[in-house]
Structures are given as C-alpha cells and as structure tokens.
C-alpha atoms as a PDB file:
ATOM      1  CA  MET A   1      -0.071  -0.007   0.065  1.00  0.00           C
ATOM      2  CA  ARG A   2       2.960   2.320   0.740  1.00  0.00           C
ATOM      3  CA  ALA A   3       4.292   1.718  -2.797  1.00  0.00           C
ATOM      4  CA  ILE A   4       1.022   2.688  -4.502  1.00  0.00           C
ATOM      5  CA  ARG A   5      -0.052   5.792  -2.520  1.00  0.00           C
ATOM      6  CA  PRO A   6       2.783   8.131  -3.801  1.00  0.00           C
ATOM      7  CA  VAL A   7       1.593   7.270  -7.290  1.00  0.00           C
ATOM      8  CA  LEU A   8      -2.020   8.180  -6.673  1.00  0.00           C
ATOM      9  CA  PRO A   9      -1.574  11.974  -6.835  1.00  0.00           C
ATOM     10  CA  LEU A  10       0.611  11.780  -9.975  1.00  0.00           C
ATOM     11  CA  ILE A  11      -2.126   9.668 -11.570  1.00  0.00           C
ATOM     12  CA  ALA A  12      -4.698  12.055 -10.798  1.00  0.00           C
ATOM     13  CA  VAL A  13      -2.659  15.048 -12.210  1.00  0.00           C
ATOM     14  CA  VAL A  14      -2.172  12.870 -15.351  1.00  0.00           C
ATOM     15  CA  LEU A  15      -5.941  12.210 -15.668  1.00  0.00           C
ATOM     16  CA  LEU A  16      -6.697  15.940 -15.318  1.00  0.00           C
ATOM     17  CA  VAL A  17      -4.247  16.801 -17.947  1.00  0.00           C
ATOM     18  CA  ALA A  18      -5.625  13.967 -20.236  1.00  0.00           C
ATOM     19  CA  ALA A  19      -9.155  15.234 -19.800  1.00  0.00           C
ATOM     20  CA  CYS A  20      -8.230  18.802 -20.574  1.00  0.00           C
ATOM     21  CA  GLY A  21      -6.217  17.665 -23.534  1.00  0.00           C
ATOM     22  CA  GLY A  22      -9.214  15.490 -24.776  1.00  0.00           C
ATOM     23  CA  ALA A  23     -11.430  18.536 -24.561  1.00  0.00           C
ATOM     24  CA  ALA A  24      -8.982  20.633 -26.470  1.00  0.00           C
ATOM     25  CA  SER A  25      -8.652  18.146 -29.238  1.00  0.00           C
ATOM     26  CA  ALA A  26     -12.378  17.630 -29.665  1.00  0.00           C
ATOM     27  CA  PRO A  27     -13.605  17.582 -33.168  1.00  0.00           C
ATOM     28  CA  GLY A  28     -14.575  21.053 -34.348  1.00  0.00           C
ATOM     29  CA  ALA A  29     -12.264  23.013 -31.942  1.00  0.00           C
ATOM     30  CA  PRO A  30      -9.577  25.310 -33.275  1.00  0.00           C
ATOM     31  CA  GLY A  31      -6.113  24.031 -33.155  1.00  0.00           C
ATOM     32  CA  ASN A  32      -3.001  23.130 -35.143  1.00  0.00           C
ATOM     33  CA  ASP A  33      -2.842  20.361 -37.658  1.00  0.00           C
ATOM     34  CA  SER A  34       0.007  17.847 -38.135  1.00  0.00           C
ATOM     35  CA  THR A  35       2.073  20.097 -40.431  1.00  0.00           C
ATOM     36  CA  GLY A  36       2.206  22.968 -37.886  1.00  0.00           C
ATOM     37  CA  GLY A  37      -0.150  25.184 -39.773  1.00  0.00           C
ATOM     38  CA  SER A  38      -3.373  26.768 -38.418  1.00  0.00           C
ATOM     39  CA  LYS A  39      -6.338  24.330 -38.449  1.00  0.00           C
ATOM     40  CA  PRO A  40      -9.534  26.135 -39.425  1.00  0.00           C
ATOM     41  CA  ILE A  41     -12.530  25.987 -37.234  1.00  0.00           C
ATOM     42  CA  ALA A  42     -14.924  23.121 -38.275  1.00  0.00           C
ATOM     43  CA  GLN A  43     -18.285  24.179 -39.685  1.00  0.00           C
ATOM     44  CA  PRO A  44     -21.578  22.603 -38.809  1.00  0.00           C
ATOM     45  CA  ALA A  45     -22.260  19.329 -40.663  1.00  0.00           C
ATOM     46  CA  ASN A  46     -25.127  18.182 -43.000  1.00  0.00           C
ATOM     47  CA  PRO A  47     -25.988  21.196 -45.065  1.00  0.00           C
ATOM     48  CA  VAL A  48     -29.322  21.052 -46.688  1.00  0.00           C
ATOM     49  CA  PRO A  49     -28.979  19.948 -50.302  1.00  0.00           C
ATOM     50  CA  GLY A  50     -29.110  22.789 -52.868  1.00  0.00           C
ATOM     51  CA  HIS A  51     -28.071  25.445 -50.495  1.00  0.00           C
ATOM     52  CA  GLY A  52     -24.239  25.271 -50.610  1.00  0.00           C
ATOM     53  CA  VAL A  53     -21.792  27.833 -51.748  1.00  0.00           C
ATOM     54  CA  ASP A  54     -23.207  28.018 -55.264  1.00  0.00           C
ATOM     55  CA  GLY A  55     -26.680  28.319 -54.065  1.00  0.00           C
ATOM     56  CA  GLY A  56     -26.307  31.298 -51.662  1.00  0.00           C
ATOM     57  CA  ALA A  57     -26.924  30.971 -48.030  1.00  0.00           C
ATOM     58  CA  THR A  58     -26.235  27.481 -46.474  1.00  0.00           C
ATOM     59  CA  ALA A  59     -28.834  25.983 -43.913  1.00  0.00           C
ATOM     60  CA  PHE A  60     -27.274  23.558 -41.402  1.00  0.00           C
ATOM     61  CA  ARG A  61     -29.029  20.927 -39.393  1.00  0.00           C
ATOM     62  CA  ASP A  62     -30.034  21.893 -35.724  1.00  0.00           C
ATOM     63  CA  ASP A  63     -28.390  19.389 -33.386  1.00  0.00           C
ATOM     64  CA  ALA A  64     -30.218  20.889 -30.270  1.00  0.00           C
ATOM     65  CA  LYS A  65     -31.655  18.200 -28.117  1.00  0.00           C
ATOM     66  CA  ILE A  66     -35.262  19.144 -27.440  1.00  0.00           C
ATOM     67  CA  ILE A  67     -37.952  17.198 -25.461  1.00  0.00           C
ATOM     68  CA  ARG A  68     -41.382  17.918 -26.969  1.00  0.00           C
ATOM     69  CA  THR A  69     -44.671  16.832 -25.110  1.00  0.00           C
ATOM     70  CA  GLY A  70     -48.183  17.689 -25.963  1.00  0.00           C
ATOM     71  CA  SER A  71     -51.921  16.840 -25.588  1.00  0.00           C
ATOM     72  CA  LEU A  72     -55.009  17.041 -27.954  1.00  0.00           C
ATOM     73  CA  THR A  73     -58.592  16.710 -27.257  1.00  0.00           C
ATOM     74  CA  LEU A  74     -60.479  15.813 -30.405  1.00  0.00           C
ATOM     75  CA  GLU A  75     -64.114  15.457 -31.411  1.00  0.00           C
ATOM     76  CA  VAL A  76     -64.508  12.805 -34.148  1.00  0.00           C
ATOM     77  CA  SER A  77     -67.488  11.473 -35.955  1.00  0.00           C
ATOM     78  CA  ASP A  78     -66.325   7.852 -35.440  1.00  0.00           C
ATOM     79  CA  VAL A  79     -63.931   6.930 -32.725  1.00  0.00           C
ATOM     80  CA  ALA A  80     -63.004   3.483 -34.120  1.00  0.00           C
ATOM     81  CA  SER A  81     -62.169   4.753 -37.546  1.00  0.00           C
ATOM     82  CA  ALA A  82     -60.305   7.827 -36.052  1.00  0.00           C
ATOM     83  CA  LEU A  83     -58.133   5.438 -33.987  1.00  0.00           C
ATOM     84  CA  ARG A  84     -57.314   3.395 -36.928  1.00  0.00           C
ATOM     85  CA  VAL A  85     -56.447   6.298 -39.216  1.00  0.00           C
ATOM     86  CA  ALA A  86     -54.381   7.864 -36.586  1.00  0.00           C
ATOM     87  CA  ARG A  87     -52.508   4.829 -35.814  1.00  0.00           C
ATOM     88  CA  ASP A  88     -51.637   4.179 -39.455  1.00  0.00           C
ATOM     89  CA  ALA A  89     -50.551   7.709 -39.846  1.00  0.00           C
ATOM     90  CA  ILE A  90     -48.312   7.778 -36.890  1.00  0.00           C
ATOM     91  CA  VAL A  91     -46.712   4.531 -37.808  1.00  0.00           C
ATOM     92  CA  ALA A  92     -46.066   5.943 -41.374  1.00  0.00           C
ATOM     93  CA  LEU A  93     -44.155   8.806 -39.801  1.00  0.00           C
ATOM     94  CA  GLY A  94     -42.025   6.335 -37.929  1.00  0.00           C
ATOM     95  CA  GLY A  95     -43.797   6.584 -34.490  1.00  0.00           C
ATOM     96  CA  TYR A  96     -45.682   4.048 -32.461  1.00  0.00           C
ATOM     97  CA  VAL A  97     -48.458   3.764 -29.764  1.00  0.00           C
ATOM     98  CA  GLY A  98     -47.025   4.079 -26.208  1.00  0.00           C
ATOM     99  CA  ALA A  99     -50.222   3.539 -24.255  1.00  0.00           C
ATOM    100  CA  SER A 100     -54.043   3.459 -24.891  1.00  0.00           C
ATOM    101  CA  THR A 101     -57.188   3.632 -22.841  1.00  0.00           C
ATOM    102  CA  THR A 102     -60.682   3.030 -24.246  1.00  0.00           C
ATOM    103  CA  SER A 103     -64.139   3.320 -22.667  1.00  0.00           C
ATOM    104  CA  ASN A 104     -67.753   3.186 -23.709  1.00  0.00           C
ATOM    105  CA  ASP A 105     -69.794   5.251 -21.026  1.00  0.00           C
ATOM    106  CA  ALA A 106     -73.555   5.506 -21.686  1.00  0.00           C
ATOM    107  CA  ASP A 107     -73.068   4.423 -25.338  1.00  0.00           C
ATOM    108  CA  ARG A 108     -70.524   7.317 -25.913  1.00  0.00           C
ATOM    109  CA  PRO A 109     -67.284   5.782 -26.966  1.00  0.00           C
ATOM    110  CA  SER A 110     -64.010   7.501 -26.093  1.00  0.00           C
ATOM    111  CA  ALA A 111     -60.378   6.770 -26.074  1.00  0.00           C
ATOM    112  CA  GLU A 112     -56.958   8.252 -24.847  1.00  0.00           C
ATOM    113  CA  ILE A 113     -53.964   7.304 -26.797  1.00  0.00           C
ATOM    114  CA  THR A 114     -50.265   8.380 -26.227  1.00  0.00           C
ATOM    115  CA  TYR A 115     -48.196   8.330 -29.279  1.00  0.00           C
ATOM    116  CA  ARG A 116     -44.353   8.445 -29.584  1.00  0.00           C
ATOM    117  CA  ILE A 117     -43.427  10.425 -32.575  1.00  0.00           C
ATOM    118  CA  PRO A 118     -39.948  11.189 -34.100  1.00  0.00           C
ATOM    119  CA  ALA A 119     -38.960  14.646 -33.160  1.00  0.00           C
ATOM    120  CA  GLU A 120     -38.588  15.776 -36.978  1.00  0.00           C
ATOM    121  CA  GLN A 121     -42.041  14.647 -37.672  1.00  0.00           C
ATOM    122  CA  TRP A 122     -43.843  16.561 -34.775  1.00  0.00           C
ATOM    123  CA  GLU A 123     -45.530  19.110 -36.847  1.00  0.00           C
ATOM    124  CA  ARG A 124     -46.665  16.572 -39.493  1.00  0.00           C
ATOM    125  CA  ALA A 125     -48.213  14.456 -36.871  1.00  0.00           C
ATOM    126  CA  LEU A 126     -50.063  17.376 -35.326  1.00  0.00           C
ATOM    127  CA  ASP A 127     -51.431  18.459 -38.767  1.00  0.00           C
ATOM    128  CA  THR A 128     -52.491  14.830 -39.270  1.00  0.00           C
ATOM    129  CA  LEU A 129     -54.297  14.422 -36.249  1.00  0.00           C
ATOM    130  CA  ARG A 130     -56.101  17.716 -36.666  1.00  0.00           C
ATOM    131  CA  GLY A 131     -57.725  16.401 -39.783  1.00  0.00           C
ATOM    132  CA  LEU A 132     -57.835  12.628 -39.662  1.00  0.00           C
ATOM    133  CA  ASN A 133     -59.077  12.566 -43.317  1.00  0.00           C
ATOM    134  CA  GLY A 134     -62.139  14.489 -42.353  1.00  0.00           C
ATOM    135  CA  LEU A 135     -62.916  12.470 -39.202  1.00  0.00           C
ATOM    136  CA  THR A 136     -61.973  15.212 -36.953  1.00  0.00           C
ATOM    137  CA  THR A 137     -64.940  17.632 -36.352  1.00  0.00           C
ATOM    138  CA  LYS A 138     -63.539  19.885 -33.736  1.00  0.00           C
ATOM    139  CA  VAL A 139     -60.065  20.419 -31.936  1.00  0.00           C
ATOM    140  CA  VAL A 140     -61.356  21.124 -28.441  1.00  0.00           C
ATOM    141  CA  THR A 141     -58.035  21.739 -26.798  1.00  0.00           C
ATOM    142  CA  GLU A 142     -54.265  21.719 -27.816  1.00  0.00           C
ATOM    143  CA  HIS A 143     -51.250  22.056 -25.627  1.00  0.00           C
ATOM    144  CA  THR A 144     -47.602  21.673 -26.582  1.00  0.00           C
ATOM    145  CA  GLU A 145     -44.304  22.141 -24.715  1.00  0.00           C
ATOM    146  CA  ALA A 146     -40.716  22.015 -25.597  1.00  0.00           C
ATOM    147  CA  VAL A 147     -37.861  21.815 -23.253  1.00  0.00           C
ATOM    148  CA  GLU A 148     -34.219  21.985 -24.446  1.00  0.00           C
ATOM    149  CA  VAL A 149     -31.748  19.653 -22.784  1.00  0.00           C
ATOM    150  CA  THR A 150     -28.680  20.149 -24.961  1.00  0.00           C
ATOM    151  CA  GLY A 151     -26.693  21.369 -22.031  1.00  0.00           C
ATOM    152  CA  GLN A 152     -27.626  18.471 -19.950  1.00  0.00           C
ATOM    153  CA  VAL A 153     -26.679  16.070 -22.656  1.00  0.00           C
ATOM    154  CA  ILE A 154     -23.245  17.622 -23.257  1.00  0.00           C
ATOM    155  CA  ASP A 155     -22.619  17.675 -19.529  1.00  0.00           C
ATOM    156  CA  LEU A 156     -23.435  14.056 -19.069  1.00  0.00           C
ATOM    157  CA  GLU A 157     -21.322  12.990 -22.244  1.00  0.00           C
ATOM    158  CA  ALA A 158     -18.294  14.976 -20.629  1.00  0.00           C
ATOM    159  CA  ARG A 159     -18.711  13.380 -17.300  1.00  0.00           C
ATOM    160  CA  ILE A 160     -18.929   9.865 -18.644  1.00  0.00           C
ATOM    161  CA  ALA A 161     -15.852  10.498 -20.723  1.00  0.00           C
ATOM    162  CA  ASN A 162     -13.933  11.629 -17.688  1.00  0.00           C
ATOM    163  CA  LEU A 163     -15.167   8.605 -15.720  1.00  0.00           C
ATOM    164  CA  ARG A 164     -14.133   6.303 -18.498  1.00  0.00           C
ATOM    165  CA  ALA A 165     -10.694   7.736 -18.511  1.00  0.00           C
ATOM    166  CA  SER A 166     -10.442   7.267 -14.714  1.00  0.00           C
ATOM    167  CA  GLU A 167     -11.660   3.651 -15.138  1.00  0.00           C
ATOM    168  CA  THR A 168      -8.901   3.045 -17.731  1.00  0.00           C
ATOM    169  CA  ALA A 169      -6.256   4.426 -15.382  1.00  0.00           C
ATOM    170  CA  LEU A 170      -7.582   2.383 -12.383  1.00  0.00           C
ATOM    171  CA  GLN A 171      -7.579  -0.826 -14.507  1.00  0.00           C
ATOM    172  CA  GLY A 172      -3.838   0.006 -15.213  1.00  0.00           C
ATOM    173  CA  ILE A 173      -3.116   0.464 -11.588  1.00  0.00           C
ATOM    174  CA  ALA A 174      -4.916  -2.725 -10.697  1.00  0.00           C
ATOM    175  CA  ALA A 175      -2.825  -4.710 -13.277  1.00  0.00           C
ATOM    176  CA  SER A 176       0.433  -3.435 -11.832  1.00  0.00           C
ATOM    177  CA  ALA A 177      -0.470  -3.794  -8.106  1.00  0.00           C
ATOM    178  CA  THR A 178       1.176  -6.596  -6.180  1.00  0.00           C
ATOM    179  CA  LYS A 179      -0.270  -6.518  -2.652  1.00  0.00           C
ATOM    180  CA  VAL A 180      -3.716  -7.774  -1.906  1.00  0.00           C
ATOM    181  CA  THR A 181      -4.660  -4.568   0.014  1.00  0.00           C
ATOM    182  CA  ASP A 182      -3.759  -2.484  -2.981  1.00  0.00           C
ATOM    183  CA  VAL A 183      -5.708  -4.607  -5.402  1.00  0.00           C
ATOM    184  CA  LEU A 184      -8.661  -4.506  -3.074  1.00  0.00           C
ATOM    185  CA  GLU A 185      -8.659  -0.594  -2.719  1.00  0.00           C
ATOM    186  CA  VAL A 186      -8.179  -0.108  -6.453  1.00  0.00           C
ATOM    187  CA  GLN A 187     -11.087  -2.508  -7.301  1.00  0.00           C
ATOM    188  CA  ALA A 188     -13.387  -0.668  -4.592  1.00  0.00           C
ATOM    189  CA  GLN A 189     -12.626   2.614  -6.580  1.00  0.00           C
ATOM    190  CA  LEU A 190     -13.142   0.940  -9.878  1.00  0.00           C
ATOM    191  CA  THR A 191     -16.500  -0.415  -8.832  1.00  0.00           C
ATOM    192  CA  GLU A 192     -17.573   3.020  -7.709  1.00  0.00           C
ATOM    193  CA  THR A 193     -16.454   4.497 -10.943  1.00  0.00           C
ATOM    194  CA  ARG A 194     -18.275   1.965 -12.887  1.00  0.00           C
ATOM    195  CA  GLY A 195     -21.426   2.509 -10.948  1.00  0.00           C
ATOM    196  CA  GLN A 196     -21.328   6.140 -11.724  1.00  0.00           C
ATOM    197  CA  ILE A 197     -20.795   5.455 -15.415  1.00  0.00           C
ATOM    198  CA  GLU A 198     -23.791   3.216 -15.462  1.00  0.00           C
ATOM    199  CA  THR A 199     -26.010   5.769 -13.700  1.00  0.00           C
ATOM    200  CA  LEU A 200     -24.970   8.655 -15.999  1.00  0.00           C
ATOM    201  CA  THR A 201     -25.190   6.544 -19.050  1.00  0.00           C
ATOM    202  CA  ALA A 202     -28.824   5.661 -18.137  1.00  0.00           C
ATOM    203  CA  GLN A 203     -29.680   9.284 -17.700  1.00  0.00           C
ATOM    204  CA  LEU A 204     -28.079  10.173 -20.982  1.00  0.00           C
ATOM    205  CA  LYS A 205     -30.034   7.326 -22.817  1.00  0.00           C
ATOM    206  CA  ASP A 206     -33.310   8.622 -21.289  1.00  0.00           C
ATOM    207  CA  LEU A 207     -32.670  12.323 -22.450  1.00  0.00           C
ATOM    208  CA  ASN A 208     -31.757  11.092 -25.907  1.00  0.00           C
ATOM    209  CA  ASP A 209     -34.862   8.905 -26.105  1.00  0.00           C
ATOM    210  CA  ARG A 210     -37.192  11.597 -25.048  1.00  0.00           C
ATOM    211  CA  SER A 211     -35.605  14.062 -27.308  1.00  0.00           C
ATOM    212  CA  ALA A 212     -35.716  11.691 -30.240  1.00  0.00           C
ATOM    213  CA  PHE A 213     -39.337  10.721 -29.834  1.00  0.00           C
ATOM    214  CA  ALA A 214     -41.787  13.151 -28.761  1.00  0.00           C
ATOM    215  CA  SER A 215     -44.723  12.254 -26.579  1.00  0.00           C
ATOM    216  CA  LEU A 216     -48.287  13.317 -27.622  1.00  0.00           C
ATOM    217  CA  THR A 217     -51.554  12.273 -25.696  1.00  0.00           C
ATOM    218  CA  VAL A 218     -54.648  12.454 -27.701  1.00  0.00           C
ATOM    219  CA  GLN A 219     -58.275  12.166 -26.343  1.00  0.00           C
ATOM    220  CA  PHE A 220     -60.876  11.052 -28.834  1.00  0.00           C
ATOM    221  CA  ASN A 221     -64.504  11.824 -28.242  1.00  0.00           C
ATOM    222  CA  VAL A 222     -67.786  11.883 -30.081  1.00  0.00           C
ATOM    223  CA  PRO A 223     -69.837  15.145 -30.296  1.00  0.00           C
ATOM    224  CA  ILE A 224     -72.685  15.494 -27.748  1.00  0.00           C
ATOM    225  CA  VAL A 225     -75.838  16.294 -29.658  1.00  0.00           C
ATOM    226  CA  ALA A 226     -78.358  18.314 -27.580  1.00  0.00           C
ATOM    227  CA  VAL A 227     -81.435  16.466 -29.136  1.00  0.00           C
ATOM    228  CA  ASP A 228     -80.007  13.146 -28.379  1.00  0.00           C
ATOM    229  CA  VAL A 229     -79.335  14.135 -24.744  1.00  0.00           C
ATOM    230  CA  ALA A 230     -82.763  15.450 -24.298  1.00  0.00           C
ATOM    231  CA  THR A 231     -84.332  12.314 -25.944  1.00  0.00           C
ATOM    232  CA  LYS A 232     -82.382  10.032 -23.806  1.00  0.00           C
ATOM    233  CA  ALA A 233     -83.282  12.187 -20.659  1.00  0.00           C
ATOM    234  CA  TRP A 234     -86.925  11.634 -21.189  1.00  0.00           C
ATOM    235  CA  GLU A 235     -88.531   8.129 -21.419  1.00  0.00           C
ATOM    236  CA  PRO A 236     -92.329   7.666 -21.056  1.00  0.00           C
ATOM    237  CA  THR A 237     -91.981   4.268 -19.403  1.00  0.00           C
ATOM    238  CA  VAL A 238     -89.794   5.634 -16.786  1.00  0.00           C
ATOM    239  CA  VAL A 239     -91.993   8.514 -16.144  1.00  0.00           C
ATOM    240  CA  VAL A 240     -95.024   6.113 -15.801  1.00  0.00           C
ATOM    241  CA  ASP A 241     -93.130   3.883 -13.425  1.00  0.00           C
ATOM    242  CA  GLU A 242     -92.149   6.906 -11.218  1.00  0.00           C
ATOM    243  CA  ALA A 243     -95.715   8.100 -11.114  1.00  0.00           C
ATOM    244  CA  ALA A 244     -97.048   4.846 -10.183  1.00  0.00           C
ATOM    245  CA  ALA A 245     -94.447   4.473  -7.517  1.00  0.00           C
ATOM    246  CA  ALA A 246     -95.440   8.003  -6.240  1.00  0.00           C
ATOM    247  CA  MET A 247     -99.121   6.954  -6.194  1.00  0.00           C
ATOM    248  CA  VAL A 248     -98.423   3.748  -4.229  1.00  0.00           C
ATOM    249  CA  SER A 249     -96.331   5.741  -1.892  1.00  0.00           C
ATOM    250  CA  VAL A 250     -99.181   8.235  -1.277  1.00  0.00           C
ATOM    251  CA  LEU A 251    -101.751   5.439  -0.733  1.00  0.00           C
ATOM    252  CA  GLN A 252     -99.311   3.696   1.585  1.00  0.00           C
ATOM    253  CA  GLY A 253     -99.092   6.867   3.620  1.00  0.00           C
ATOM    254  CA  LEU A 254    -102.796   7.284   3.882  1.00  0.00           C
ATOM    255  CA  ALA A 255    -103.376   3.699   4.801  1.00  0.00           C
ATOM    256  CA  THR A 256    -100.720   3.935   7.482  1.00  0.00           C
ATOM    257  CA  GLY A 257    -102.287   7.147   8.823  1.00  0.00           C
ATOM    258  CA  GLY A 258    -105.651   5.550   8.995  1.00  0.00           C
ATOM    259  CA  ILE A 259    -104.321   2.455  10.902  1.00  0.00           C
ATOM    260  CA  TRP A 260    -102.616   4.731  13.422  1.00  0.00           C
ATOM    261  CA  PHE A 261    -105.791   6.606  13.986  1.00  0.00           C
ATOM    262  CA  LEU A 262    -108.043   3.660  14.587  1.00  0.00           C
ATOM    263  CA  ILE A 263    -105.698   1.723  16.683  1.00  0.00           C
ATOM    264  CA  VAL A 264    -103.980   4.611  18.630  1.00  0.00           C
ATOM    265  CA  TRP A 265    -105.598   8.036  18.369  1.00  0.00           C
ATOM    266  CA  LEU A 266    -109.337   6.962  18.394  1.00  0.00           C
ATOM    267  CA  PRO A 267    -109.306   4.991  21.567  1.00  0.00           C
ATOM    268  CA  ILE A 268    -107.343   8.000  23.312  1.00  0.00           C
ATOM    269  CA  LEU A 269    -109.813  10.470  22.039  1.00  0.00           C
ATOM    270  CA  LEU A 270    -112.730   8.296  23.325  1.00  0.00           C
ATOM    271  CA  VAL A 271    -111.219   8.021  26.719  1.00  0.00           C
ATOM    272  CA  LEU A 272    -110.503  11.762  26.828  1.00  0.00           C
ATOM    273  CA  GLY A 273    -114.129  12.561  25.725  1.00  0.00           C
ATOM    274  CA  VAL A 274    -115.563  10.183  28.566  1.00  0.00           C
ATOM    275  CA  VAL A 275    -113.096  11.888  31.032  1.00  0.00           C
ATOM    276  CA  GLY A 276    -114.298  15.314  29.956  1.00  0.00           C
ATOM    277  CA  ALA A 277    -117.960  14.480  30.158  1.00  0.00           C
ATOM    278  CA  VAL A 278    -117.616  13.178  33.651  1.00  0.00           C
ATOM    279  CA  VAL A 279    -115.766  16.170  34.869  1.00  0.00           C
ATOM    280  CA  LEU A 280    -118.299  18.562  33.357  1.00  0.00           C
ATOM    281  CA  ALA A 281    -121.288  16.783  35.005  1.00  0.00           C
ATOM    282  CA  VAL A 282    -119.475  16.833  38.374  1.00  0.00           C
ATOM    283  CA  ALA A 283    -118.733  20.397  38.114  1.00  0.00           C
ATOM    284  CA  ARG A 284    -122.366  21.262  37.392  1.00  0.00           C
ATOM    285  CA  ARG A 285    -123.625  19.200  40.371  1.00  0.00           C
ATOM    286  CA  LEU A 286    -121.013  21.056  42.605  1.00  0.00           C
ATOM    287  CA  GLY A 287    -122.116  24.443  41.024  1.00  0.00           C
ATOM    288  CA  VAL A 288    -118.799  25.229  39.823  1.00  0.00           C
ATOM    289  CA  GLY A 289    -119.011  28.193  37.458  1.00  0.00           C
ATOM    290  CA  ARG A 290    -122.438  29.482  38.591  1.00  0.00           C
ATOM    291  CA  ARG A 291    -123.001  33.021  39.018  1.00  0.00           C
ATOM    292  CA  PRO A 292    -124.836  34.519  42.303  1.00  0.00           C
ATOM    293  CA  GLY A 293    -128.591  34.638  41.803  1.00  0.00           C
ATOM    294  CA  ASP A 294    -128.745  31.883  39.300  1.00  0.00           C
ATOM    295  CA  ASP A 295    -130.772  29.752  41.854  1.00  0.00           C
ATOM    296  CA  VAL A 296    -133.343  32.567  42.937  1.00  0.00           C
ATOM    297  CA  PRO A 297    -136.633  31.887  41.245  1.00  0.00           C
ATOM    298  CA  PRO A 298    -138.064  34.739  39.405  1.00  0.00           C
ATOM    299  CA  THR A 299    -140.578  37.224  41.194  1.00  0.00           C
ATOM    300  CA  ALA A 300    -144.304  36.869  40.187  1.00  0.00           C
ATOM    301  CA  PRO A 301    -145.681  40.181  38.881  1.00  0.00           C
ATOM    302  CA  ALA A 302    -148.166  42.086  41.351  1.00  0.00           C
ATOM    303  CA  THR A 303    -151.846  41.791  40.895  1.00  0.00           C
ATOM    304  CA  GLY A 304    -153.521  44.735  39.328  1.00  0.00           C
ATOM    305  CA  GLU A 305    -150.442  46.171  37.862  1.00  0.00           C
ATOM    306  CA  ALA A 306    -150.999  47.093  34.273  1.00  0.00           C
END
C-alpha cells in the first residue's frame, strides 16, 4: 500500500491533464494540424442539399436536443375509424403507440392514446391528427411544450468520458499492483467509478430517447348532440313507473295514517271524551262556574199592575 499511495496523486494529475487535452482536441475545436499550420474552425455538418456555396446561404442541421410533449382533445365522427387512421398515420411517420385507454360510457365511446413520434415529424403528426381525413370535427384543446436539454446532454457526455478515462487508469493500476490490499482498494474505486458511469449512461439514454421521440397524448370523443341528450333524458315508461311509485307511496301513507288513527288515536280520543264528560257533570253538580242569583226563582208580577 505504501508503494502505491505516492503514485495516486501523480495519476490524478495525469488524468486531469488528459481530460483537458481531450477537450481541447475535440472535433470542431480550433487548433493546429500535423504540419504545424493553422487548423480552421470546423463548420456545422449536414447542409441542406441545394443550399451550398453556389446556391447562396447555407442551412445547417439543428443538433439541439429538445424534449417535446403535448396533448390534444378531439371530437371525431367515429372513434373506431379515427383510432385506426391515427395509428396508421403515426406508424407511417416512424412513430408508435405508447399507451392506450378506451371506454364506452352511456353508449358514448371515447379513447385516450399516447403516441411516440419522431421529433422531426412532430408538426406533421399534429397536422395529421387535426384532420384525420375528415374524421376530426373539432379540436377542443391543444397544448404543446418544448424543453431544451442540449446542455444536460453535453454535461453528461463529458462526465462519462472523464469517468471512463479514470476507469482505464484504475485498470492499469490494478494490473500493476502486487499487494492484495492495494488490489482491493483499487477494485473498490473501480467499482464505484463503473457504478457512476452506468447511472450517468442511463440518464443520457433517457434524455436522448425523449428528445428523439416526442410524446403526444390524444383524447378522442364523439360530439354531444343536444337532441340526443334530451331524448335520452325523457323516457315515457320511466315517467309512468315513477308516477305509479309515487301513487303507491301516497296510498301507503294514507293507509298507514288511518291504521294509526283507528288503533292509537281513536281510543285515546274516546277516553279523553268520557273523562271530559264526567268532569263537566261533576262540576255542574257542585255548582262550579255558577253566578250568584242563578238559583233565585223569578218574582211573580203584582196583581192589578198594568
């Protein structure tokens, strides 16, 4: 272990210098050629045919990494036909169906489909879905979004390249190590470096995949006709059933009230009536409520009075 530790700082310096040298010698960077002369700055590749030096201004391919996502809500005359036409059109553009959900609620079919579309075919796919050979009757909502991740891709590529250089250096150290402890320590560092490479590689792959294939979620619905809604909302048989049920409920309520009156309230009222009559008779016998002079017989008129 003592023999390898003094070498580690030197290896770190060598790796740093190698990384800087790799960045300086990257394709397209200005520098010197093998003859010692000045090397011109590389121009962007892939010019559009017909627009070169003889044709005037030159158009170059845009290598920016852009993740495009969007959503559409469409009203179509026939959901099944629209799904078939949309699928064929997306496949013809080089895309595919990522996910799908269909339903048929109250005899109104609908579907939600997620398409993965090549980035360069994004606008053509939108134009196709807006029409669908006349099947689209209305574009209800449309939302698109674009996020550029070019900087993230470049950063991940640089970090992966540096880690691979460190991996190569660690492999060389492990090959020249003689002590078991030295080998174990270098292997631990090599395992950690490889783990970082795999993690960053997965992130880079995900960014490249999402930027290469845009994601578009489309909702297909049939138009809602007001006459159909009103017709479905009123059904004579249902109204008859509801009226009959209401009549039965009313009759049941009346019958229930009559039964309660005959069994409960009528006996109570009869008892109260008898008690009241007895109380009134007793009160009359005792003279309760009589005024003074009510018991004095009236005076006979005097004889001879006119």
